[in-house]
Amino acid sequence: MNGAESLLTTLVNNGIEVCFTNPGTSEMHFVAALDEVEGMRCVLCLFEGVLSGAAGGYAAMARRPASTLLHLGPGLGNALANVHNAKKGHVPMVNIVGDHATYHLQYDAPLTADIEGIAGPVSHWVHTSKAPADIARDAAEAVRQAGIGQVATLMLPADVSWGDNPNGPEAAVTIAPPAAVPAERVNEALELLKSGGNCMIMIGGREVDSQRGLMLSRIGNAAGVRVCTETFPGRVARGAGSAVIDRLPYLAEMAIDHIKEVEHLILVGAPAPVSFFAYPNVPSAIAPPGCQQFVLAGPNDDIDQALEDLLESLNAVDVEPQVQPLAIPDLASGPLDVSKAATAVAHYLPENAIVVDESITSSFALYPATATAQPHDWLNLTGGSIGWGLPASVGAAIACPDRKVVCVEGDGSAMYTIQSLWTMAREHLDITVVIFNNQKYSVLEMEFARTGARGGKPGPNAASVLDIGSPGIDFVALATGMGVQASRATTAQEFNEQFAAAINGKGPRLIDAIVPPIF
């Protein structure tokens, strides 16, 4: 058994059954091993940013890592933006990066690079396997390091891949469970809840599932405190029957106002809230001066147990949570805009759907419109690096083949990883993509004004940098050319019909929704 075969077998033994890949010459023995080792689904992506985003979307929904296969330093470099998003979202990922044969590195061939240096900033663990006899053991360690919420990056030199591994594959490793939250910390949080001060609980991190939301609602009702999520938790259970929980606004000024009177902020899986960017005369820290920010649990801690302990201490187990009703809006008519499209999404969204949101400014309308739709999971862009939505939809659909995936996507961000459409078609994935096409980098127009650059009003040269409407992008042609059925909607009636058809059908479908900018 060569090194590549022992590596693949080790991954399969550890429940890693999907590999998102874009291989090169150095990875050919890994590719060959796919025909020798059973149990690994290999998904080809045409750009590394697609495969890393897909691995993140897969992990968010499967609650376990996929692997990626990348070609040397440049391949890893192309993947970095969505590896960054995975790290910020606390989802596990095992990256396998091919490298030159160990004896070839001394010649500094054109693709030679400092792969460990490239991987370091976006990985929790980085390692280069030195010999064929080591690779299975190193792969098992990568899985262990990835655990429940980390990024592990393992370099696979070509001669380690093709060389004989006398030790064979490794068995399944033990993954560390979420870290227990000390009783002392729970008691401190309890004291804050009972202090009589203005208190808020903010939850975030990898996931806010239905159970966590309902527990938080009970705690908030019993203690008389507000509860909210951070702006972009990785995965949130929403819709009818889910807890009514506010979301911290994206805009710094609105976020500051949202918690301006809070004296005690209890953080559960969420970091201390800060502005996404610096703005003149706007504080970077969102919490008011003097606010005590208390970390009850980190994203990899046992959040469920900590919340259960609070519930019992507050005698709140039987307290009624505040939940969202099922309220399906009526369909709109007339010229299409984001609000009318959001109404149609809320109207037709099927039960148990997965919504992947990279709609950027359009999300200001989409998120509240779907609060009382059928129960669904909502995936957010956690690290802020755009070009995530289409790939994450690929990963989510592969993780959950029996669930409809709806990707709501901005036109500008879609073009970062448009190659995702090809993989959707190749894998016959049940994904409905809605492109909110306003022919602008609308979020940047908004940010231009907020930063005060040039008095908040771009001149002709600056405005041209924010305009992607000349030439216009033909998403119908792009999708059709990659094997995805596509249509264009300019009225609410057209969008209603096209979205309903996509939801009721199977397979990938794209709707190019022509809408005016919100701002």
Protein backbone atom coordinates (compact mmCIF):
# COMPACT_ATOMS: atom_id res chain seq x y z
CA MET A 1 0.00 0.00 0.00
CA ASN A 2 1.50 3.33 -1.00
CA GLY A 3 1.31 6.51 1.01
CA ALA A 4 -1.66 7.96 -0.86
CA GLU A 5 -3.71 4.79 -0.42
CA SER A 6 -2.93 4.68 3.30
CA LEU A 7 -3.85 8.35 3.62
CA LEU A 8 -7.19 7.90 1.85
CA THR A 9 -8.01 4.79 3.86
CA THR A 10 -7.23 6.65 7.07
CA LEU A 11 -9.56 9.49 6.11
CA VAL A 12 -12.38 7.05 5.30
CA ASN A 13 -11.75 5.17 8.58
CA ASN A 14 -12.33 8.50 10.33
CA GLY A 15 -15.65 9.23 8.64
CA ILE A 16 -14.28 11.69 6.08
CA GLU A 17 -16.11 10.54 2.99
CA VAL A 18 -16.00 13.58 0.68
CA CYS A 19 -12.98 15.21 -0.91
CA PHE A 20 -13.36 18.49 -2.80
CA THR A 21 -10.49 18.66 -5.23
CA ASN A 22 -8.61 20.44 -7.97
CA PRO A 23 -5.46 18.34 -8.40
CA GLY A 24 -2.20 18.82 -10.27
CA THR A 25 0.83 16.73 -11.18
CA SER A 26 2.07 16.29 -7.61
CA GLU A 27 -1.28 14.80 -6.55
CA MET A 28 -1.62 12.16 -9.27
CA HIS A 29 -0.92 9.24 -6.93
CA PHE A 30 -3.64 10.53 -4.60
CA VAL A 31 -5.96 10.71 -7.62
CA ALA A 32 -4.98 7.15 -8.60
CA ALA A 33 -5.73 5.96 -5.08
CA LEU A 34 -9.37 6.99 -5.54
CA ASP A 35 -9.77 3.89 -7.73
CA GLU A 36 -8.13 1.66 -5.15
CA VAL A 37 -9.79 2.84 -1.93
CA GLU A 38 -13.55 2.55 -1.50
CA GLY A 39 -15.69 5.02 0.41
CA MET A 40 -14.42 8.42 -0.76
CA ARG A 41 -16.60 10.66 -2.94
CA CYS A 42 -14.37 12.96 -4.94
CA VAL A 43 -15.95 16.23 -6.12
CA LEU A 44 -14.11 18.14 -8.82
CA CYS A 45 -14.17 21.93 -8.64
CA LEU A 46 -12.78 24.21 -11.33
CA PHE A 47 -11.25 26.71 -8.91
CA GLU A 48 -9.74 26.23 -5.48
CA GLY A 49 -11.94 28.93 -3.93
CA VAL A 50 -14.91 26.77 -4.88
CA LEU A 51 -13.59 23.62 -3.22
CA SER A 52 -12.62 25.36 0.03
CA GLY A 53 -16.01 27.09 0.24
CA ALA A 54 -17.75 23.80 -0.53
CA ALA A 55 -15.80 22.08 2.26
CA GLY A 56 -16.95 24.80 4.64
CA GLY A 57 -20.60 24.47 3.62
CA TYR A 58 -20.38 20.69 3.91
CA ALA A 59 -18.93 20.87 7.43
CA ALA A 60 -21.55 23.37 8.57
CA MET A 61 -24.35 21.00 7.60
CA ALA A 62 -22.73 17.59 8.17
CA ARG A 63 -21.16 18.64 11.48
CA ARG A 64 -17.98 16.85 10.43
CA PRO A 65 -15.13 17.78 8.10
CA ALA A 66 -14.64 17.08 4.45
CA SER A 67 -11.16 16.96 3.01
CA THR A 68 -9.77 19.14 0.27
CA LEU A 69 -7.01 18.28 -2.19
CA LEU A 70 -4.98 21.25 -3.37
CA HIS A 71 -2.06 21.67 -5.75
CA LEU A 72 1.03 23.15 -4.13
CA GLY A 73 1.32 26.67 -2.73
CA PRO A 74 -0.53 28.48 -5.53
CA GLY A 75 -3.47 26.10 -5.26
CA LEU A 76 -3.66 26.68 -1.53
CA GLY A 77 -3.32 30.41 -2.16
CA ASN A 78 -6.34 30.35 -4.45
CA ALA A 79 -8.33 28.61 -1.70
CA LEU A 80 -7.38 30.92 1.16
CA ALA A 81 -10.40 33.25 1.21
CA ASN A 82 -12.85 30.47 1.98
CA VAL A 83 -10.44 28.66 4.30
CA HIS A 84 -10.39 31.96 6.18
CA ASN A 85 -14.19 31.92 6.32
CA ALA A 86 -14.13 28.35 7.66
CA LYS A 87 -11.68 29.29 10.38
CA LYS A 88 -13.76 32.30 11.42
CA GLY A 89 -16.87 30.11 11.37
CA HIS A 90 -15.31 27.42 13.58
CA VAL A 91 -16.09 24.61 11.14
CA PRO A 92 -13.68 21.68 10.80
CA MET A 93 -11.65 21.21 7.63
CA VAL A 94 -8.84 18.84 6.63
CA ASN A 95 -6.75 20.27 3.80
CA ILE A 96 -4.37 17.98 1.92
CA VAL A 97 -1.87 20.04 -0.08
CA GLY A 98 0.36 18.28 -2.56
CA ASP A 99 4.00 19.33 -2.70
CA HIS A 100 7.03 18.55 -4.81
CA ALA A 101 8.93 15.38 -3.96
CA THR A 102 11.21 16.03 -1.00
CA TYR A 103 14.36 15.65 -3.11
CA HIS A 104 13.01 18.02 -5.80
CA LEU A 105 12.54 21.03 -3.51
CA GLN A 106 16.23 21.93 -3.61
CA TYR A 107 15.93 22.87 -7.30
CA ASP A 108 13.38 25.65 -6.65
CA ALA A 109 11.13 24.65 -9.55
CA PRO A 110 8.59 27.28 -10.70
CA LEU A 111 5.77 26.09 -8.42
CA THR A 112 7.94 25.73 -5.31
CA ALA A 113 6.50 27.79 -2.45
CA ASP A 114 6.50 28.13 1.31
CA ILE A 115 3.30 26.14 1.74
CA GLU A 116 3.50 26.05 5.52
CA GLY A 117 3.90 29.83 5.55
CA ILE A 118 0.85 30.25 3.31
CA ALA A 119 -1.24 27.84 5.39
CA GLY A 120 -0.32 29.18 8.81
CA PRO A 121 -2.57 32.26 9.07
CA VAL A 122 -5.73 30.32 8.14
CA SER A 123 -5.00 27.03 9.93
CA HIS A 124 -4.95 25.89 13.53
CA TRP A 125 -2.52 23.06 12.72
CA VAL A 126 0.03 22.79 9.90
CA HIS A 127 2.32 19.84 9.20
CA THR A 128 4.41 18.40 6.37
CA SER A 129 4.66 14.63 6.18
CA LYS A 130 8.29 13.54 5.84
CA ALA A 131 8.09 9.90 4.72
CA PRO A 132 5.59 7.35 3.36
CA ALA A 133 5.66 5.49 6.65
CA ASP A 134 4.42 8.66 8.41
CA ILE A 135 1.58 9.82 6.18
CA ALA A 136 -1.28 7.73 7.61
CA ARG A 137 -0.31 8.66 11.15
CA ASP A 138 -0.06 12.32 10.12
CA ALA A 139 -3.46 12.13 8.41
CA ALA A 140 -5.02 10.71 11.57
CA GLU A 141 -3.47 13.54 13.54
CA ALA A 142 -4.89 16.08 11.05
CA VAL A 143 -8.37 14.64 11.66
CA ARG A 144 -7.84 14.79 15.41
CA GLN A 145 -6.61 18.38 15.22
CA ALA A 146 -9.54 19.44 13.05
CA GLY A 147 -11.82 18.05 15.72
CA ILE A 148 -15.17 19.79 15.93
CA GLY A 149 -14.14 23.25 14.79
CA GLN A 150 -10.60 23.72 13.54
CA VAL A 151 -8.70 23.85 10.24
CA ALA A 152 -5.89 21.31 9.80
CA THR A 153 -3.56 21.54 6.79
CA LEU A 154 -1.31 18.60 5.89
CA MET A 155 1.34 18.76 3.15
CA LEU A 156 1.75 15.63 1.03
CA PRO A 157 5.07 15.52 -0.88
CA ALA A 158 4.83 13.54 -4.11
CA ASP A 159 7.37 10.89 -3.05
CA VAL A 160 5.55 10.44 0.26
CA SER A 161 2.42 9.83 -1.80
CA TRP A 162 3.91 7.27 -4.19
CA GLY A 163 6.28 5.56 -1.74
CA ASP A 164 5.37 2.32 0.06
CA ASN A 165 3.91 2.71 3.55
CA PRO A 166 4.82 -0.45 5.50
CA ASN A 167 2.66 0.69 8.42
CA GLY A 168 -0.58 0.84 6.44
CA PRO A 169 -3.57 3.02 7.35
CA GLU A 170 -4.57 4.27 10.78
CA ALA A 171 -7.84 3.45 12.53
CA ALA A 172 -10.36 6.03 13.71
CA VAL A 173 -9.02 8.54 16.20
CA THR A 174 -10.85 9.91 19.22
CA ILE A 175 -12.16 13.43 18.65
CA ALA A 176 -12.19 15.60 21.75
CA PRO A 177 -15.75 16.51 22.75
CA PRO A 178 -16.77 20.10 23.46
CA ALA A 179 -14.92 21.40 26.49
CA ALA A 180 -16.96 21.47 29.69
CA VAL A 181 -17.88 24.91 31.03
CA PRO A 182 -16.79 25.13 34.68
CA ALA A 183 -19.58 25.40 37.23
CA GLU A 184 -17.96 28.56 38.56
CA ARG A 185 -18.44 30.27 35.23
CA VAL A 186 -22.10 29.23 35.07
CA ASN A 187 -22.58 30.60 38.58
CA GLU A 188 -20.99 33.90 37.60
CA ALA A 189 -23.37 34.19 34.66
CA LEU A 190 -26.27 33.36 36.97
CA GLU A 191 -25.25 36.17 39.31
CA LEU A 192 -25.20 38.62 36.40
CA LEU A 193 -28.66 37.48 35.30
CA LYS A 194 -29.99 38.03 38.82
CA SER A 195 -28.09 41.28 39.45
CA GLY A 196 -30.94 43.56 38.43
CA GLY A 197 -28.67 45.33 35.96
CA ASN A 198 -29.44 45.65 32.27
CA CYS A 199 -28.24 42.31 30.97
CA MET A 200 -28.13 40.71 27.53
CA ILE A 201 -27.12 37.25 26.32
CA MET A 202 -25.44 37.10 22.91
CA ILE A 203 -25.02 33.72 21.23
CA GLY A 204 -23.01 32.93 18.14
CA GLY A 205 -20.22 30.75 16.83
CA ARG A 206 -20.64 27.63 14.75
CA GLU A 207 -24.35 27.01 15.24
CA VAL A 208 -27.49 28.27 16.91
CA ASP A 209 -29.71 25.24 16.51
CA SER A 210 -33.38 25.01 17.47
CA GLN A 211 -32.66 23.55 20.90
CA ARG A 212 -30.21 26.28 21.81
CA GLY A 213 -32.56 28.99 20.63
CA LEU A 214 -35.46 27.65 22.70
CA MET A 215 -33.27 27.28 25.79
CA LEU A 216 -32.07 30.85 25.41
CA SER A 217 -35.62 32.12 25.02
CA ARG A 218 -36.62 30.34 28.24
CA ILE A 219 -33.59 31.76 30.05
CA GLY A 220 -34.31 35.26 28.76
CA ASN A 221 -37.98 35.08 29.79
CA ALA A 222 -37.18 33.66 33.22
CA ALA A 223 -34.45 36.21 33.98
CA GLY A 224 -36.11 39.13 32.24
CA VAL A 225 -33.14 39.78 29.95
CA ARG A 226 -32.73 40.31 26.23
CA VAL A 227 -31.24 37.66 23.97
CA CYS A 228 -29.66 38.14 20.55
CA THR A 229 -27.32 36.44 18.13
CA GLU A 230 -24.08 37.89 16.85
CA THR A 231 -24.41 39.40 13.38
CA PHE A 232 -23.32 36.32 11.42
CA PRO A 233 -23.36 33.04 13.35
CA GLY A 234 -22.40 30.18 11.05
CA ARG A 235 -25.70 28.29 11.07
CA VAL A 236 -29.04 29.35 12.56
CA ALA A 237 -32.32 27.45 12.89
CA ARG A 238 -35.08 29.81 11.77
CA GLY A 239 -38.71 29.91 10.73
CA ALA A 240 -41.91 28.66 12.38
CA GLY A 241 -41.35 27.10 15.78
CA SER A 242 -37.88 28.61 16.25
CA ALA A 243 -37.16 31.01 19.07
CA VAL A 244 -37.70 34.72 18.59
CA ILE A 245 -34.16 36.06 18.91
CA ASP A 246 -32.89 39.40 17.65
CA ARG A 247 -29.78 39.63 15.49
CA LEU A 248 -27.10 42.22 16.22
CA PRO A 249 -27.29 44.67 13.29
CA TYR A 250 -24.48 44.75 10.76
CA LEU A 251 -24.10 48.51 10.61
CA ALA A 252 -21.92 49.67 13.49
CA GLU A 253 -24.07 52.67 14.34
CA MET A 254 -27.19 50.50 14.54
CA ALA A 255 -25.37 47.81 16.54
CA ILE A 256 -24.12 50.37 19.04
CA ASP A 257 -27.66 51.68 19.46
CA HIS A 258 -28.97 48.11 19.82
CA ILE A 259 -26.97 47.47 23.01
CA LYS A 260 -26.26 51.01 24.20
CA GLU A 261 -27.93 50.47 27.60
CA VAL A 262 -26.51 47.01 28.31
CA GLU A 263 -24.49 46.79 31.51
CA HIS A 264 -23.68 43.08 31.43
CA LEU A 265 -23.14 41.24 28.12
CA ILE A 266 -22.96 37.45 28.49
CA LEU A 267 -21.23 35.89 25.49
CA VAL A 268 -22.10 32.33 24.48
CA GLY A 269 -19.98 31.09 21.57
CA ALA A 270 -19.75 34.66 20.28
CA PRO A 271 -16.78 37.02 20.41
CA ALA A 272 -17.01 40.46 21.93
CA PRO A 273 -18.87 42.50 19.26
CA VAL A 274 -16.84 44.94 17.20
CA SER A 275 -17.45 47.02 14.10
CA PHE A 276 -16.62 45.17 10.89
CA PHE A 277 -14.53 48.14 9.78
CA ALA A 278 -13.19 51.35 11.24
CA TYR A 279 -15.12 54.53 10.44
CA PRO A 280 -14.29 58.12 11.32
CA ASN A 281 -15.87 59.10 14.65
CA VAL A 282 -17.47 55.66 15.16
CA PRO A 283 -16.22 53.43 18.01
CA SER A 284 -14.67 50.11 17.05
CA ALA A 285 -16.08 48.38 20.13
CA ILE A 286 -19.85 47.92 19.96
CA ALA A 287 -20.56 47.48 23.68
CA PRO A 288 -20.94 50.74 25.62
CA PRO A 289 -18.09 51.95 27.84
CA GLY A 290 -18.27 50.32 31.23
CA CYS A 291 -20.24 47.31 29.98
CA GLN A 292 -19.01 44.07 31.54
CA GLN A 293 -18.46 41.49 28.80
CA PHE A 294 -18.48 38.02 30.34
CA VAL A 295 -17.55 34.91 28.33
CA LEU A 296 -19.74 32.05 29.50
CA ALA A 297 -18.68 29.66 26.71
CA GLY A 298 -16.46 29.71 23.66
CA PRO A 299 -17.49 28.29 20.27
CA ASN A 300 -15.88 24.90 21.01
CA ASP A 301 -17.18 24.66 24.58
CA ASP A 302 -20.17 22.59 25.68
CA ILE A 303 -22.72 25.33 25.09
CA ASP A 304 -25.72 23.03 25.46
CA GLN A 305 -24.70 21.86 28.93
CA ALA A 306 -23.98 25.42 30.06
CA LEU A 307 -27.44 26.54 28.93
CA GLU A 308 -29.08 23.52 30.58
CA ASP A 309 -27.27 24.37 33.84
CA LEU A 310 -28.58 27.95 33.63
CA LEU A 311 -32.09 26.71 32.93
CA GLU A 312 -32.10 24.46 35.97
CA SER A 313 -30.57 27.13 38.22
CA LEU A 314 -33.27 29.58 37.14
CA ASN A 315 -36.03 26.95 37.50
CA ALA A 316 -36.84 27.82 33.89
CA VAL A 317 -37.08 24.37 32.34
CA ASP A 318 -40.86 24.70 32.04
CA VAL A 319 -40.92 28.38 31.09
CA GLU A 320 -42.63 28.93 27.75
CA PRO A 321 -40.24 30.16 25.06
CA GLN A 322 -41.27 32.85 22.63
CA VAL A 323 -41.44 31.21 19.20
CA GLN A 324 -42.06 32.34 15.67
CA PRO A 325 -45.52 31.57 14.25
CA LEU A 326 -46.00 30.16 10.78
CA ALA A 327 -47.03 33.21 8.76
CA ILE A 328 -46.70 32.83 5.00
CA PRO A 329 -46.89 36.18 3.20
CA ASP A 330 -49.03 36.80 0.14
CA LEU A 331 -47.22 37.12 -3.16
CA ALA A 332 -46.48 40.55 -4.57
CA SER A 333 -46.95 41.88 -8.10
CA GLY A 334 -45.57 44.66 -10.28
CA PRO A 335 -41.96 45.59 -11.07
CA LEU A 336 -39.48 43.36 -9.24
CA ASP A 337 -37.50 44.61 -6.26
CA VAL A 338 -35.71 42.87 -3.41
CA SER A 339 -38.63 43.11 -1.01
CA LYS A 340 -41.02 41.46 -3.49
CA ALA A 341 -38.50 38.72 -4.23
CA ALA A 342 -38.01 38.19 -0.49
CA THR A 343 -41.77 37.76 -0.12
CA ALA A 344 -41.74 35.03 -2.77
CA VAL A 345 -38.81 33.27 -1.09
CA ALA A 346 -40.68 33.31 2.23
CA HIS A 347 -43.88 32.16 0.52
CA TYR A 348 -42.43 29.16 -1.30
CA LEU A 349 -39.55 28.15 0.97
CA PRO A 350 -40.11 24.46 1.73
CA GLU A 351 -39.89 22.93 5.17
CA ASN A 352 -36.37 21.87 6.14
CA ALA A 353 -34.72 23.92 3.42
CA ILE A 354 -31.18 25.24 3.72
CA VAL A 355 -30.72 28.91 2.85
CA VAL A 356 -27.18 30.01 2.03
CA ASP A 357 -27.02 33.79 2.29
CA GLU A 358 -24.46 35.86 0.43
CA SER A 359 -26.99 38.34 -0.86
CA ILE A 360 -25.04 41.20 0.74
CA THR A 361 -27.28 44.32 0.77
CA SER A 362 -30.33 42.30 -0.32
CA SER A 363 -30.12 40.40 2.97
CA PHE A 364 -31.47 43.49 4.73
CA ALA A 365 -34.86 42.53 3.24
CA LEU A 366 -34.48 38.75 2.93
CA TYR A 367 -33.58 37.93 6.52
CA PRO A 368 -36.59 39.51 8.26
CA ALA A 369 -39.00 38.40 5.51
CA THR A 370 -38.22 34.73 6.14
CA ALA A 371 -38.46 34.81 9.95
CA THR A 372 -41.93 33.20 9.95
CA ALA A 373 -41.47 30.96 6.91
CA GLN A 374 -41.36 27.17 7.11
CA PRO A 375 -38.63 25.86 9.46
CA HIS A 376 -35.23 26.05 7.81
CA ASP A 377 -31.50 26.45 8.44
CA TRP A 378 -29.76 29.67 7.46
CA LEU A 379 -26.02 29.71 6.69
CA ASN A 380 -24.15 32.99 7.04
CA LEU A 381 -20.88 34.32 5.64
CA THR A 382 -18.77 34.15 8.79
CA GLY A 383 -15.41 35.55 7.77
CA GLY A 384 -16.53 38.38 5.51
CA SER A 385 -14.58 37.17 2.47
CA ILE A 386 -17.02 37.12 -0.43
CA GLY A 387 -17.20 34.38 -3.03
CA TRP A 388 -18.46 31.93 -0.40
CA GLY A 389 -22.17 31.55 -1.14
CA LEU A 390 -22.18 29.50 -4.35
CA PRO A 391 -19.46 27.09 -3.13
CA ALA A 392 -21.06 26.71 0.31
CA SER A 393 -24.29 25.73 -1.44
CA VAL A 394 -22.42 22.94 -3.22
CA GLY A 395 -21.12 21.61 0.08
CA ALA A 396 -24.47 21.93 1.85
CA ALA A 397 -26.26 20.05 -0.94
CA ILE A 398 -23.74 17.22 -0.84
CA ALA A 399 -24.00 17.00 2.95
CA CYS A 400 -27.82 16.99 2.86
CA PRO A 401 -28.97 15.53 -0.48
CA ASP A 402 -32.59 15.20 0.69
CA ARG A 403 -32.95 18.91 1.52
CA LYS A 404 -33.60 21.77 -0.88
CA VAL A 405 -30.79 24.31 -0.89
CA VAL A 406 -31.60 27.92 -1.75
CA CYS A 407 -28.64 30.20 -2.40
CA VAL A 408 -29.42 33.91 -2.29
CA GLU A 409 -26.47 35.63 -3.90
CA GLY A 410 -25.30 39.08 -4.91
CA ASP A 411 -24.23 39.65 -8.48
CA GLY A 412 -20.78 40.94 -7.60
CA SER A 413 -19.99 38.23 -5.08
CA ALA A 414 -21.27 35.52 -7.43
CA MET A 415 -18.56 36.34 -9.95
CA TYR A 416 -15.80 35.46 -7.48
CA THR A 417 -16.64 31.76 -7.66
CA ILE A 418 -19.06 31.45 -10.58
CA GLN A 419 -17.37 28.14 -11.50
CA SER A 420 -19.48 26.60 -8.70
CA LEU A 421 -22.36 26.34 -11.19
CA TRP A 422 -20.41 23.77 -13.20
CA THR A 423 -19.96 21.56 -10.14
CA MET A 424 -23.67 21.91 -9.29
CA ALA A 425 -24.53 20.62 -12.77
CA ARG A 426 -21.88 17.89 -12.76
CA GLU A 427 -23.05 16.54 -9.39
CA HIS A 428 -26.79 17.02 -10.14
CA LEU A 429 -27.24 19.03 -6.93
CA ASP A 430 -30.68 20.25 -5.86
CA ILE A 431 -29.83 23.93 -5.52
CA THR A 432 -31.90 26.97 -6.45
CA VAL A 433 -29.67 30.00 -6.96
CA VAL A 434 -31.19 33.49 -6.91
CA ILE A 435 -28.83 36.20 -8.17
CA PHE A 436 -29.90 39.63 -6.94
CA ASN A 437 -28.63 41.55 -9.94
CA ASN A 438 -28.49 45.29 -9.30
CA GLN A 439 -25.42 45.75 -11.54
CA LYS A 440 -23.48 47.43 -8.75
CA TYR A 441 -21.17 46.72 -5.88
CA SER A 442 -24.02 48.17 -3.87
CA VAL A 443 -22.50 47.41 -0.49
CA LEU A 444 -19.40 49.39 -1.48
CA GLU A 445 -21.51 52.36 -2.53
CA MET A 446 -23.03 52.24 0.94
CA GLU A 447 -19.62 51.91 2.57
CA PHE A 448 -18.18 54.76 0.48
CA ALA A 449 -20.77 57.05 1.99
CA ARG A 450 -20.27 55.70 5.52
CA THR A 451 -16.49 56.12 5.46
CA GLY A 452 -16.86 59.76 4.42
CA ALA A 453 -14.42 59.34 1.55
CA ARG A 454 -14.62 62.39 -0.72
CA GLY A 455 -17.43 63.69 1.46
CA GLY A 456 -19.34 60.44 0.93
CA LYS A 457 -19.98 61.16 -2.77
CA PRO A 458 -17.87 59.35 -5.37
CA GLY A 459 -16.68 61.22 -8.43
CA PRO A 460 -16.84 59.69 -11.91
CA ASN A 461 -13.68 57.59 -11.55
CA ALA A 462 -14.62 56.31 -8.11
CA ALA A 463 -18.18 55.58 -9.24
CA SER A 464 -16.91 53.50 -12.14
CA VAL A 465 -15.04 51.25 -9.69
CA LEU A 466 -18.32 50.48 -7.92
CA ASP A 467 -20.38 49.88 -11.07
CA ILE A 468 -20.46 46.40 -12.67
CA GLY A 469 -23.24 47.16 -15.12
CA SER A 470 -21.08 48.12 -18.11
CA PRO A 471 -21.02 45.61 -19.63
CA GLY A 472 -23.85 43.88 -17.84
CA ILE A 473 -23.26 40.31 -16.68
CA ASP A 474 -25.49 37.76 -18.40
CA PHE A 475 -26.00 35.20 -15.62
CA VAL A 476 -28.49 33.23 -17.72
CA ALA A 477 -25.85 32.69 -20.40
CA LEU A 478 -23.17 31.89 -17.84
CA ALA A 479 -25.35 29.34 -16.07
CA THR A 480 -26.58 27.75 -19.29
CA GLY A 481 -23.02 27.47 -20.53
CA MET A 482 -22.13 25.47 -17.43
CA GLY A 483 -25.14 23.15 -17.62
CA VAL A 484 -27.50 24.87 -15.18
CA GLN A 485 -31.07 25.69 -16.24
CA ALA A 486 -31.55 29.44 -15.93
CA SER A 487 -34.11 32.21 -16.42
CA ARG A 488 -34.42 35.93 -15.87
CA ALA A 489 -37.09 37.78 -13.89
CA THR A 490 -37.87 41.49 -14.17
CA THR A 491 -41.35 41.49 -12.60
CA ALA A 492 -42.64 40.03 -9.36
CA GLN A 493 -44.98 37.72 -11.28
CA GLU A 494 -42.09 36.31 -13.32
CA PHE A 495 -40.02 35.78 -10.20
CA ASN A 496 -42.91 34.12 -8.36
CA GLU A 497 -43.45 31.65 -11.20
CA GLN A 498 -39.77 30.90 -11.72
CA PHE A 499 -38.98 30.47 -8.04
CA ALA A 500 -42.00 28.20 -7.51
CA ALA A 501 -40.93 26.05 -10.48
CA ALA A 502 -37.38 25.80 -9.15
CA ILE A 503 -38.56 24.82 -5.68
CA ASN A 504 -40.95 22.20 -7.03
CA GLY A 505 -38.36 20.77 -9.40
CA LYS A 506 -35.10 18.93 -8.82
CA GLY A 507 -31.57 19.77 -9.75
CA PRO A 508 -29.71 23.06 -10.11
CA ARG A 509 -31.61 26.12 -11.28
CA LEU A 510 -30.59 29.79 -11.45
CA ILE A 511 -32.85 32.86 -11.48
CA ASP A 512 -31.32 36.15 -12.55
CA ALA A 513 -33.46 38.60 -10.57
CA ILE A 514 -33.09 42.10 -12.00
CA VAL A 515 -33.64 44.46 -9.06
CA PRO A 516 -32.85 48.07 -8.22
CA PRO A 517 -30.31 48.69 -5.44
CA ILE A 518 -31.74 48.99 -1.92
CA PHE A 519 -29.54 51.98 -1.17
